[in-house]
Amino acid sequence: MYFIVVKFPVKPESAEQWPQIVADYTADCRSEEGNISFEWSRSLEDPLQYVLVEAFTDEGAAKHVESPHFTEGIEAMRPHLTGTPQIVSRQVEGDGWEPMGELQID
């Protein structure tokens, strides 16, 4: 699976509306056949930074970046950013989230 984390530096005037700005893109990505996970969070340290954690099957990752909604979503984000997003993208073993071994809750 491909596990991807992206940090988006958002303009102050766009920060509160960011979930709505990316809503269509998020829905489209979540509906992709190869999507395992697609979740947004807002940084606690920097309220102008949103973090996207996503995972795709090996086959789904290429289709994801080749999809029309990927390009459309990137272009919709562009005017709301203060800089280039920072990304970590790695192919890892597994097929989704697993329980944390060090912290089990009964």
PDB file of N, CA and C in Angstrom:
ATOM      1  N   MET A   1       0.851  -1.168   0.000  1.00  0.00           N
ATOM      2  CA  MET A   1       0.000   0.000   0.000  1.00  0.00           C
ATOM      3  C   MET A   1       0.892   1.224   0.000  1.00  0.00           C
ATOM      4  N   TYR A   2       0.381   2.314  -0.510  1.00  0.00           N
ATOM      5  CA  TYR A   2       1.070   3.605  -0.459  1.00  0.00           C
ATOM      6  C   TYR A   2       0.472   4.411   0.679  1.00  0.00           C
ATOM      7  N   PHE A   3       1.349   4.882   1.558  1.00  0.00           N
ATOM      8  CA  PHE A   3       0.951   5.687   2.704  1.00  0.00           C
ATOM      9  C   PHE A   3       1.521   7.075   2.488  1.00  0.00           C
ATOM     10  N   ILE A   4       0.669   8.081   2.533  1.00  0.00           N
ATOM     11  CA  ILE A   4       1.047   9.437   2.152  1.00  0.00           C
ATOM     12  C   ILE A   4       0.580  10.416   3.229  1.00  0.00           C
ATOM     13  N   VAL A   5       1.470  11.332   3.598  1.00  0.00           N
ATOM     14  CA  VAL A   5       1.125  12.416   4.520  1.00  0.00           C
ATOM     15  C   VAL A   5       1.558  13.716   3.861  1.00  0.00           C
ATOM     16  N   VAL A   6       0.627  14.671   3.780  1.00  0.00           N
ATOM     17  CA  VAL A   6       0.918  15.949   3.133  1.00  0.00           C
ATOM     18  C   VAL A   6       0.528  17.083   4.081  1.00  0.00           C
ATOM     19  N   LYS A   7       1.431  18.055   4.226  1.00  0.00           N
ATOM     20  CA  LYS A   7       1.155  19.249   5.027  1.00  0.00           C
ATOM     21  C   LYS A   7       0.856  20.406   4.078  1.00  0.00           C
ATOM     22  N   PHE A   8      -0.309  21.037   4.249  1.00  0.00           N
ATOM     23  CA  PHE A   8      -0.754  22.132   3.397  1.00  0.00           C
ATOM     24  C   PHE A   8      -0.721  23.453   4.168  1.00  0.00           C
ATOM     25  N   PRO A   9       0.115  24.424   3.758  1.00  0.00           N
ATOM     26  CA  PRO A   9       0.132  25.739   4.395  1.00  0.00           C
ATOM     27  C   PRO A   9      -0.963  26.621   3.791  1.00  0.00           C
ATOM     28  N   VAL A  10      -1.968  26.919   4.572  1.00  0.00           N
ATOM     29  CA  VAL A  10      -3.170  27.585   4.078  1.00  0.00           C
ATOM     30  C   VAL A  10      -3.164  29.078   4.425  1.00  0.00           C
ATOM     31  N   LYS A  11      -3.640  29.892   3.501  1.00  0.00           N
ATOM     32  CA  LYS A  11      -3.737  31.337   3.748  1.00  0.00           C
ATOM     33  C   LYS A  11      -4.686  31.595   4.924  1.00  0.00           C
ATOM     34  N   PRO A  12      -4.402  32.621   5.721  1.00  0.00           N
ATOM     35  CA  PRO A  12      -5.268  32.925   6.870  1.00  0.00           C
ATOM     36  C   PRO A  12      -6.734  33.095   6.488  1.00  0.00           C
ATOM     37  N   GLU A  13      -6.985  33.754   5.368  1.00  0.00           N
ATOM     38  CA  GLU A  13      -8.375  33.998   4.961  1.00  0.00           C
ATOM     39  C   GLU A  13      -9.073  32.741   4.445  1.00  0.00           C
ATOM     40  N   SER A  14      -8.335  31.657   4.232  1.00  0.00           N
ATOM     41  CA  SER A  14      -8.913  30.399   3.746  1.00  0.00           C
ATOM     42  C   SER A  14      -8.965  29.309   4.812  1.00  0.00           C
ATOM     43  N   ALA A  15      -8.336  29.538   5.946  1.00  0.00           N
ATOM     44  CA  ALA A  15      -8.174  28.482   6.948  1.00  0.00           C
ATOM     45  C   ALA A  15      -9.498  27.922   7.463  1.00  0.00           C
ATOM     46  N   GLU A  16     -10.444  28.766   7.775  1.00  0.00           N
ATOM     47  CA  GLU A  16     -11.717  28.276   8.313  1.00  0.00           C
ATOM     48  C   GLU A  16     -12.563  27.578   7.253  1.00  0.00           C
ATOM     49  N   GLN A  17     -12.400  27.976   5.988  1.00  0.00           N
ATOM     50  CA  GLN A  17     -13.188  27.396   4.902  1.00  0.00           C
ATOM     51  C   GLN A  17     -12.515  26.185   4.252  1.00  0.00           C
ATOM     52  N   TRP A  18     -11.281  25.840   4.679  1.00  0.00           N
ATOM     53  CA  TRP A  18     -10.536  24.766   4.028  1.00  0.00           C
ATOM     54  C   TRP A  18     -11.339  23.465   3.898  1.00  0.00           C
ATOM     55  N   PRO A  19     -12.038  23.004   4.940  1.00  0.00           N
ATOM     56  CA  PRO A  19     -12.817  21.769   4.768  1.00  0.00           C
ATOM     57  C   PRO A  19     -13.845  21.862   3.627  1.00  0.00           C
ATOM     58  N   GLN A  20     -14.443  23.015   3.439  1.00  0.00           N
ATOM     59  CA  GLN A  20     -15.388  23.177   2.337  1.00  0.00           C
ATOM     60  C   GLN A  20     -14.669  23.288   0.994  1.00  0.00           C
ATOM     61  N   ILE A  21     -13.504  23.927   0.994  1.00  0.00           N
ATOM     62  CA  ILE A  21     -12.721  24.087  -0.240  1.00  0.00           C
ATOM     63  C   ILE A  21     -12.334  22.727  -0.805  1.00  0.00           C
ATOM     64  N   VAL A  22     -11.991  21.777   0.073  1.00  0.00           N
ATOM     65  CA  VAL A  22     -11.533  20.459  -0.372  1.00  0.00           C
ATOM     66  C   VAL A  22     -12.622  19.381  -0.286  1.00  0.00           C
ATOM     67  N   ALA A  23     -13.848  19.767  -0.006  1.00  0.00           N
ATOM     68  CA  ALA A  23     -14.927  18.793   0.210  1.00  0.00           C
ATOM     69  C   ALA A  23     -15.171  17.899  -1.007  1.00  0.00           C
ATOM     70  N   ASP A  24     -15.285  18.482  -2.192  1.00  0.00           N
ATOM     71  CA  ASP A  24     -15.543  17.659  -3.381  1.00  0.00           C
ATOM     72  C   ASP A  24     -14.361  16.746  -3.676  1.00  0.00           C
ATOM     73  N   TYR A  25     -13.158  17.284  -3.571  1.00  0.00           N
ATOM     74  CA  TYR A  25     -11.948  16.502  -3.795  1.00  0.00           C
ATOM     75  C   TYR A  25     -11.886  15.333  -2.813  1.00  0.00           C
ATOM     76  N   THR A  26     -12.167  15.611  -1.556  1.00  0.00           N
ATOM     77  CA  THR A  26     -12.143  14.579  -0.522  1.00  0.00           C
ATOM     78  C   THR A  26     -13.148  13.477  -0.823  1.00  0.00           C
ATOM     79  N   ALA A  27     -14.367  13.849  -1.155  1.00  0.00           N
ATOM     80  CA  ALA A  27     -15.404  12.862  -1.464  1.00  0.00           C
ATOM     81  C   ALA A  27     -15.015  12.016  -2.671  1.00  0.00           C
ATOM     82  N   ASP A  28     -14.480  12.660  -3.705  1.00  0.00           N
ATOM     83  CA  ASP A  28     -14.069  11.923  -4.902  1.00  0.00           C
ATOM     84  C   ASP A  28     -12.943  10.945  -4.592  1.00  0.00           C
ATOM     85  N   CYS A  29     -11.965  11.374  -3.803  1.00  0.00           N
ATOM     86  CA  CYS A  29     -10.834  10.496  -3.466  1.00  0.00           C
ATOM     87  C   CYS A  29     -11.290   9.333  -2.601  1.00  0.00           C
ATOM     88  N   ARG A  30     -12.162   9.602  -1.656  1.00  0.00           N
ATOM     89  CA  ARG A  30     -12.659   8.530  -0.790  1.00  0.00           C
ATOM     90  C   ARG A  30     -13.455   7.488  -1.560  1.00  0.00           C
ATOM     91  N   SER A  31     -14.054   7.889  -2.664  1.00  0.00           N
ATOM     92  CA  SER A  31     -14.864   6.947  -3.451  1.00  0.00           C
ATOM     93  C   SER A  31     -14.040   6.143  -4.463  1.00  0.00           C
ATOM     94  N   GLU A  32     -12.758   6.437  -4.580  1.00  0.00           N
ATOM     95  CA  GLU A  32     -11.910   5.689  -5.507  1.00  0.00           C
ATOM     96  C   GLU A  32     -11.805   4.232  -5.071  1.00  0.00           C
ATOM     97  N   GLU A  33     -11.765   3.345  -6.048  1.00  0.00           N
ATOM     98  CA  GLU A  33     -11.699   1.910  -5.774  1.00  0.00           C
ATOM     99  C   GLU A  33     -10.481   1.543  -4.931  1.00  0.00           C
ATOM    100  N   GLY A  34      -9.340   2.173  -5.151  1.00  0.00           N
ATOM    101  CA  GLY A  34      -8.119   1.833  -4.439  1.00  0.00           C
ATOM    102  C   GLY A  34      -7.887   2.598  -3.154  1.00  0.00           C
ATOM    103  N   ASN A  35      -8.856   3.409  -2.720  1.00  0.00           N
ATOM    104  CA  ASN A  35      -8.665   4.203  -1.506  1.00  0.00           C
ATOM    105  C   ASN A  35      -8.834   3.345  -0.260  1.00  0.00           C
ATOM    106  N   ILE A  36      -7.881   3.450   0.657  1.00  0.00           N
ATOM    107  CA  ILE A  36      -7.956   2.765   1.939  1.00  0.00           C
ATOM    108  C   ILE A  36      -8.338   3.752   3.037  1.00  0.00           C
ATOM    109  N   SER A  37      -7.754   4.946   2.992  1.00  0.00           N
ATOM    110  CA  SER A  37      -8.003   5.955   4.012  1.00  0.00           C
ATOM    111  C   SER A  37      -7.708   7.332   3.428  1.00  0.00           C
ATOM    112  N   PHE A  38      -8.475   8.330   3.846  1.00  0.00           N
ATOM    113  CA  PHE A  38      -8.286   9.701   3.370  1.00  0.00           C
ATOM    114  C   PHE A  38      -8.842  10.626   4.441  1.00  0.00           C
ATOM    115  N   GLU A  39      -7.951  11.181   5.286  1.00  0.00           N
ATOM    116  CA  GLU A  39      -8.387  11.948   6.445  1.00  0.00           C
ATOM    117  C   GLU A  39      -7.615  13.253   6.581  1.00  0.00           C
ATOM    118  N   TRP A  40      -8.354  14.334   6.836  1.00  0.00           N
ATOM    119  CA  TRP A  40      -7.777  15.657   7.079  1.00  0.00           C
ATOM    120  C   TRP A  40      -7.725  15.930   8.572  1.00  0.00           C
ATOM    121  N   SER A  41      -6.673  16.630   8.998  1.00  0.00           N
ATOM    122  CA  SER A  41      -6.554  17.141  10.363  1.00  0.00           C
ATOM    123  C   SER A  41      -5.987  18.542  10.290  1.00  0.00           C
ATOM    124  N   ARG A  42      -6.228  19.286  11.346  1.00  0.00           N
ATOM    125  CA  ARG A  42      -5.657  20.631  11.446  1.00  0.00           C
ATOM    126  C   ARG A  42      -4.579  20.612  12.517  1.00  0.00           C
ATOM    127  N   SER A  43      -3.445  21.182  12.225  1.00  0.00           N
ATOM    128  CA  SER A  43      -2.326  21.191  13.166  1.00  0.00           C
ATOM    129  C   SER A  43      -2.697  21.931  14.447  1.00  0.00           C
ATOM    130  N   LEU A  44      -2.307  21.365  15.572  1.00  0.00           N
ATOM    131  CA  LEU A  44      -2.514  22.035  16.854  1.00  0.00           C
ATOM    132  C   LEU A  44      -1.500  23.146  17.064  1.00  0.00           C
ATOM    133  N   GLU A  45      -0.313  22.995  16.477  1.00  0.00           N
ATOM    134  CA  GLU A  45       0.746  23.988  16.632  1.00  0.00           C
ATOM    135  C   GLU A  45       0.609  25.151  15.660  1.00  0.00           C
ATOM    136  N   ASP A  46       0.051  24.890  14.489  1.00  0.00           N
ATOM    137  CA  ASP A  46      -0.065  25.914  13.451  1.00  0.00           C
ATOM    138  C   ASP A  46      -1.461  25.849  12.846  1.00  0.00           C
ATOM    139  N   PRO A  47      -2.379  26.718  13.274  1.00  0.00           N
ATOM    140  CA  PRO A  47      -3.752  26.669  12.779  1.00  0.00           C
ATOM    141  C   PRO A  47      -3.887  26.984  11.292  1.00  0.00           C
ATOM    142  N   LEU A  48      -2.793  27.381  10.653  1.00  0.00           N
ATOM    143  CA  LEU A  48      -2.818  27.631   9.206  1.00  0.00           C
ATOM    144  C   LEU A  48      -2.248  26.443   8.423  1.00  0.00           C
ATOM    145  N   GLN A  49      -2.114  25.313   9.095  1.00  0.00           N
ATOM    146  CA  GLN A  49      -1.615  24.120   8.426  1.00  0.00           C
ATOM    147  C   GLN A  49      -2.615  22.976   8.581  1.00  0.00           C
ATOM    148  N   TYR A  50      -2.993  22.392   7.446  1.00  0.00           N
ATOM    149  CA  TYR A  50      -3.822  21.190   7.437  1.00  0.00           C
ATOM    150  C   TYR A  50      -2.959  20.017   7.008  1.00  0.00           C
ATOM    151  N   VAL A  51      -3.239  18.853   7.586  1.00  0.00           N
ATOM    152  CA  VAL A  51      -2.471  17.659   7.299  1.00  0.00           C
ATOM    153  C   VAL A  51      -3.415  16.605   6.726  1.00  0.00           C
ATOM    154  N   LEU A  52      -3.025  16.058   5.600  1.00  0.00           N
ATOM    155  CA  LEU A  52      -3.792  15.004   4.950  1.00  0.00           C
ATOM    156  C   LEU A  52      -3.039  13.692   5.112  1.00  0.00           C
ATOM    157  N   VAL A  53      -3.707  12.687   5.660  1.00  0.00           N
ATOM    158  CA  VAL A  53      -3.158  11.342   5.782  1.00  0.00           C
ATOM    159  C   VAL A  53      -3.990  10.462   4.866  1.00  0.00           C
ATOM    160  N   GLU A  54      -3.323   9.844   3.891  1.00  0.00           N
ATOM    161  CA  GLU A  54      -4.058   9.027   2.927  1.00  0.00           C
ATOM    162  C   GLU A  54      -3.318   7.728   2.656  1.00  0.00           C
ATOM    163  N   ALA A  55      -4.065   6.725   2.253  1.00  0.00           N
ATOM    164  CA  ALA A  55      -3.487   5.436   1.896  1.00  0.00           C
ATOM    165  C   ALA A  55      -4.264   4.874   0.711  1.00  0.00           C
ATOM    166  N   PHE A  56      -3.510   4.284  -0.206  1.00  0.00           N
ATOM    167  CA  PHE A  56      -4.091   3.667  -1.394  1.00  0.00           C
ATOM    168  C   PHE A  56      -3.465   2.306  -1.620  1.00  0.00           C
ATOM    169  N   THR A  57      -4.218   1.413  -2.234  1.00  0.00           N
ATOM    170  CA  THR A  57      -3.637   0.143  -2.650  1.00  0.00           C
ATOM    171  C   THR A  57      -2.544   0.439  -3.671  1.00  0.00           C
ATOM    172  N   ASP A  58      -1.661  -0.527  -3.867  1.00  0.00           N
ATOM    173  CA  ASP A  58      -0.590  -0.340  -4.847  1.00  0.00           C
ATOM    174  C   ASP A  58      -1.166   0.003  -6.217  1.00  0.00           C
ATOM    175  N   GLU A  59      -2.231  -0.688  -6.609  1.00  0.00           N
ATOM    176  CA  GLU A  59      -2.856  -0.442  -7.909  1.00  0.00           C
ATOM    177  C   GLU A  59      -3.601   0.894  -7.934  1.00  0.00           C
ATOM    178  N   GLY A  60      -4.181   1.270  -6.800  1.00  0.00           N
ATOM    179  CA  GLY A  60      -4.984   2.484  -6.734  1.00  0.00           C
ATOM    180  C   GLY A  60      -4.187   3.766  -6.699  1.00  0.00           C
ATOM    181  N   ALA A  61      -2.931   3.706  -6.259  1.00  0.00           N
ATOM    182  CA  ALA A  61      -2.124   4.924  -6.117  1.00  0.00           C
ATOM    183  C   ALA A  61      -1.901   5.618  -7.450  1.00  0.00           C
ATOM    184  N   ALA A  62      -1.535   4.871  -8.469  1.00  0.00           N
ATOM    185  CA  ALA A  62      -1.287   5.470  -9.787  1.00  0.00           C
ATOM    186  C   ALA A  62      -2.580   6.021 -10.377  1.00  0.00           C
ATOM    187  N   LYS A  63      -3.650   5.268 -10.240  1.00  0.00           N
ATOM    188  CA  LYS A  63      -4.945   5.728 -10.753  1.00  0.00           C
ATOM    189  C   LYS A  63      -5.381   7.011 -10.055  1.00  0.00           C
ATOM    190  N   HIS A  64      -5.048   7.124  -8.773  1.00  0.00           N
ATOM    191  CA  HIS A  64      -5.420   8.310  -7.991  1.00  0.00           C
ATOM    192  C   HIS A  64      -4.822   9.575  -8.604  1.00  0.00           C
ATOM    193  N   VAL A  65      -3.510   9.584  -8.832  1.00  0.00           N
ATOM    194  CA  VAL A  65      -2.869  10.799  -9.346  1.00  0.00           C
ATOM    195  C   VAL A  65      -3.150  11.039 -10.824  1.00  0.00           C
ATOM    196  N   GLU A  66      -3.673  10.043 -11.524  1.00  0.00           N
ATOM    197  CA  GLU A  66      -4.020  10.193 -12.932  1.00  0.00           C
ATOM    198  C   GLU A  66      -5.479  10.583 -13.133  1.00  0.00           C
ATOM    199  N   SER A  67      -6.265  10.625 -12.053  1.00  0.00           N
ATOM    200  CA  SER A  67      -7.700  10.911 -12.176  1.00  0.00           C
ATOM    201  C   SER A  67      -7.953  12.398 -12.435  1.00  0.00           C
ATOM    202  N   PRO A  68      -9.002  12.707 -13.176  1.00  0.00           N
ATOM    203  CA  PRO A  68      -9.339  14.118 -13.413  1.00  0.00           C
ATOM    204  C   PRO A  68      -9.610  14.886 -12.121  1.00  0.00           C
ATOM    205  N   HIS A  69     -10.258  14.262 -11.147  1.00  0.00           N
ATOM    206  CA  HIS A  69     -10.556  14.991  -9.907  1.00  0.00           C
ATOM    207  C   HIS A  69      -9.287  15.295  -9.111  1.00  0.00           C
ATOM    208  N   PHE A  70      -8.213  14.537  -9.310  1.00  0.00           N
ATOM    209  CA  PHE A  70      -6.944  14.859  -8.651  1.00  0.00           C
ATOM    210  C   PHE A  70      -6.439  16.209  -9.159  1.00  0.00           C
ATOM    211  N   THR A  71      -6.364  16.339 -10.473  1.00  0.00           N
ATOM    212  CA  THR A  71      -5.896  17.592 -11.080  1.00  0.00           C
ATOM    213  C   THR A  71      -6.823  18.754 -10.717  1.00  0.00           C
ATOM    214  N   GLU A  72      -8.120  18.531 -10.795  1.00  0.00           N
ATOM    215  CA  GLU A  72      -9.086  19.577 -10.452  1.00  0.00           C
ATOM    216  C   GLU A  72      -8.962  19.975  -8.984  1.00  0.00           C
ATOM    217  N   GLY A  73      -8.766  18.990  -8.105  1.00  0.00           N
ATOM    218  CA  GLY A  73      -8.637  19.277  -6.683  1.00  0.00           C
ATOM    219  C   GLY A  73      -7.388  20.080  -6.372  1.00  0.00           C
ATOM    220  N   ILE A  74      -6.274  19.722  -7.007  1.00  0.00           N
ATOM    221  CA  ILE A  74      -5.019  20.454  -6.814  1.00  0.00           C
ATOM    222  C   ILE A  74      -5.185  21.909  -7.258  1.00  0.00           C
ATOM    223  N   GLU A  75      -5.811  22.097  -8.386  1.00  0.00           N
ATOM    224  CA  GLU A  75      -6.001  23.462  -8.894  1.00  0.00           C
ATOM    225  C   GLU A  75      -6.952  24.261  -8.012  1.00  0.00           C
ATOM    226  N   ALA A  76      -7.947  23.612  -7.430  1.00  0.00           N
ATOM    227  CA  ALA A  76      -8.869  24.307  -6.517  1.00  0.00           C
ATOM    228  C   ALA A  76      -8.160  24.742  -5.233  1.00  0.00           C
ATOM    229  N   MET A  77      -7.155  23.971  -4.814  1.00  0.00           N
ATOM    230  CA  MET A  77      -6.406  24.304  -3.594  1.00  0.00           C
ATOM    231  C   MET A  77      -5.409  25.439  -3.826  1.00  0.00           C
ATOM    232  N   ARG A  78      -4.818  25.474  -5.005  1.00  0.00           N
ATOM    233  CA  ARG A  78      -3.689  26.362  -5.300  1.00  0.00           C
ATOM    234  C   ARG A  78      -3.875  27.804  -4.823  1.00  0.00           C
ATOM    235  N   PRO A  79      -5.004  28.478  -5.114  1.00  0.00           N
ATOM    236  CA  PRO A  79      -5.117  29.885  -4.704  1.00  0.00           C
ATOM    237  C   PRO A  79      -5.267  30.093  -3.194  1.00  0.00           C
ATOM    238  N   HIS A  80      -5.414  29.006  -2.446  1.00  0.00           N
ATOM    239  CA  HIS A  80      -5.619  29.104  -0.999  1.00  0.00           C
ATOM    240  C   HIS A  80      -4.370  28.762  -0.199  1.00  0.00           C
ATOM    241  N   LEU A  81      -3.262  28.502  -0.884  1.00  0.00           N
ATOM    242  CA  LEU A  81      -2.033  28.077  -0.217  1.00  0.00           C
ATOM    243  C   LEU A  81      -0.996  29.192  -0.189  1.00  0.00           C
ATOM    244  N   THR A  82      -0.170  29.177   0.859  1.00  0.00           N
ATOM    245  CA  THR A  82       0.907  30.165   0.977  1.00  0.00           C
ATOM    246  C   THR A  82       2.233  29.622   0.468  1.00  0.00           C
ATOM    247  N   GLY A  83       2.296  28.339   0.198  1.00  0.00           N
ATOM    248  CA  GLY A  83       3.529  27.729  -0.274  1.00  0.00           C
ATOM    249  C   GLY A  83       3.273  26.324  -0.764  1.00  0.00           C
ATOM    250  N   THR A  84       4.332  25.684  -1.196  1.00  0.00           N
ATOM    251  CA  THR A  84       4.251  24.324  -1.710  1.00  0.00           C
ATOM    252  C   THR A  84       4.013  23.342  -0.567  1.00  0.00           C
ATOM    253  N   PRO A  85       3.007  22.487  -0.677  1.00  0.00           N
ATOM    254  CA  PRO A  85       2.798  21.471   0.352  1.00  0.00           C
ATOM    255  C   PRO A  85       4.013  20.549   0.466  1.00  0.00           C
ATOM    256  N   GLN A  86       4.238  20.048   1.668  1.00  0.00           N
ATOM    257  CA  GLN A  86       5.332  19.109   1.939  1.00  0.00           C
ATOM    258  C   GLN A  86       4.746  17.706   2.075  1.00  0.00           C
ATOM    259  N   ILE A  87       5.404  16.705   1.445  1.00  0.00           N
ATOM    260  CA  ILE A  87       4.837  15.364   1.377  1.00  0.00           C
ATOM    261  C   ILE A  87       5.840  14.298   1.786  1.00  0.00           C
ATOM    262  N   VAL A  88       5.317  13.256   2.405  1.00  0.00           N
ATOM    263  CA  VAL A  88       6.031  12.001   2.608  1.00  0.00           C
ATOM    264  C   VAL A  88       5.148  10.942   1.964  1.00  0.00           C
ATOM    265  N   SER A  89       5.688  10.216   1.005  1.00  0.00           N
ATOM    266  CA  SER A  89       4.941   9.181   0.293  1.00  0.00           C
ATOM    267  C   SER A  89       5.814   7.940   0.222  1.00  0.00           C
ATOM    268  N   ARG A  90       5.314   6.848   0.799  1.00  0.00           N
ATOM    269  CA  ARG A  90       6.104   5.624   0.853  1.00  0.00           C
ATOM    270  C   ARG A  90       5.228   4.408   0.576  1.00  0.00           C
ATOM    271  N   GLN A  91       5.802   3.447  -0.097  1.00  0.00           N
ATOM    272  CA  GLN A  91       5.147   2.163  -0.246  1.00  0.00           C
ATOM    273  C   GLN A  91       5.490   1.346   0.993  1.00  0.00           C
ATOM    274  N   VAL A  92       4.488   0.843   1.690  1.00  0.00           N
ATOM    275  CA  VAL A  92       4.690   0.103   2.926  1.00  0.00           C
ATOM    276  C   VAL A  92       3.913  -1.209   2.874  1.00  0.00           C
ATOM    277  N   GLU A  93       4.314  -2.140   3.723  1.00  0.00           N
ATOM    278  CA  GLU A  93       3.582  -3.390   3.828  1.00  0.00           C
ATOM    279  C   GLU A  93       2.282  -3.149   4.582  1.00  0.00           C
ATOM    280  N   GLY A  94       1.306  -3.985   4.318  1.00  0.00           N
ATOM    281  CA  GLY A  94       0.028  -3.888   5.009  1.00  0.00           C
ATOM    282  C   GLY A  94      -1.068  -3.457   4.067  1.00  0.00           C
ATOM    283  N   ASP A  95      -2.281  -3.464   4.602  1.00  0.00           N
ATOM    284  CA  ASP A  95      -3.423  -3.073   3.781  1.00  0.00           C
ATOM    285  C   ASP A  95      -4.387  -2.169   4.527  1.00  0.00           C
ATOM    286  N   GLY A  96      -3.902  -1.488   5.568  1.00  0.00           N
ATOM    287  CA  GLY A  96      -4.757  -0.551   6.288  1.00  0.00           C
ATOM    288  C   GLY A  96      -4.297  -0.369   7.724  1.00  0.00           C
ATOM    289  N   TRP A  97      -5.143   0.283   8.501  1.00  0.00           N
ATOM    290  CA  TRP A  97      -4.842   0.568   9.896  1.00  0.00           C
ATOM    291  C   TRP A  97      -4.852  -0.723  10.705  1.00  0.00           C
ATOM    292  N   GLU A  98      -3.984  -0.791  11.697  1.00  0.00           N
ATOM    293  CA  GLU A  98      -3.899  -1.951  12.593  1.00  0.00           C
ATOM    294  C   GLU A  98      -3.892  -1.444  14.031  1.00  0.00           C
ATOM    295  N   PRO A  99      -4.289  -2.299  15.011  1.00  0.00           N
ATOM    296  CA  PRO A  99      -4.262  -1.887  16.406  1.00  0.00           C
ATOM    297  C   PRO A  99      -2.847  -1.561  16.869  1.00  0.00           C
ATOM    298  N   MET A 100      -2.720  -0.570  17.702  1.00  0.00           N
ATOM    299  CA  MET A 100      -1.423  -0.212  18.273  1.00  0.00           C
ATOM    300  C   MET A 100      -1.059  -1.212  19.367  1.00  0.00           C
ATOM    301  N   GLY A 101       0.041  -1.946  19.174  1.00  0.00           N
ATOM    302  CA  GLY A 101       0.430  -2.983  20.114  1.00  0.00           C
ATOM    303  C   GLY A 101       0.797  -2.466  21.481  1.00  0.00           C
ATOM    304  N   GLU A 102       1.383  -1.281  21.574  1.00  0.00           N
ATOM    305  CA  GLU A 102       1.851  -0.745  22.842  1.00  0.00           C
ATOM    306  C   GLU A 102       0.743  -0.140  23.702  1.00  0.00           C
ATOM    307  N   LEU A 103      -0.421   0.079  23.131  1.00  0.00           N
ATOM    308  CA  LEU A 103      -1.507   0.709  23.896  1.00  0.00           C
ATOM    309  C   LEU A 103      -2.828   0.020  23.559  1.00  0.00           C
ATOM    310  N   GLN A 104      -3.075  -1.075  24.237  1.00  0.00           N
ATOM    311  CA  GLN A 104      -4.303  -1.838  24.020  1.00  0.00           C
ATOM    312  C   GLN A 104      -5.371  -1.407  25.012  1.00  0.00           C
ATOM    313  N   ILE A 105      -6.550  -1.188  24.531  1.00  0.00           N
ATOM    314  CA  ILE A 105      -7.696  -0.823  25.376  1.00  0.00           C
ATOM    315  C   ILE A 105      -8.726  -1.942  25.281  1.00  0.00           C
ATOM    316  N   ASP A 106      -9.109  -2.477  26.452  1.00  0.00           N
ATOM    317  CA  ASP A 106     -10.102  -3.579  26.465  1.00  0.00           C
ATOM    318  C   ASP A 106     -11.501  -3.047  26.347  1.00  0.00           C
TER     319      ASP A 106
END
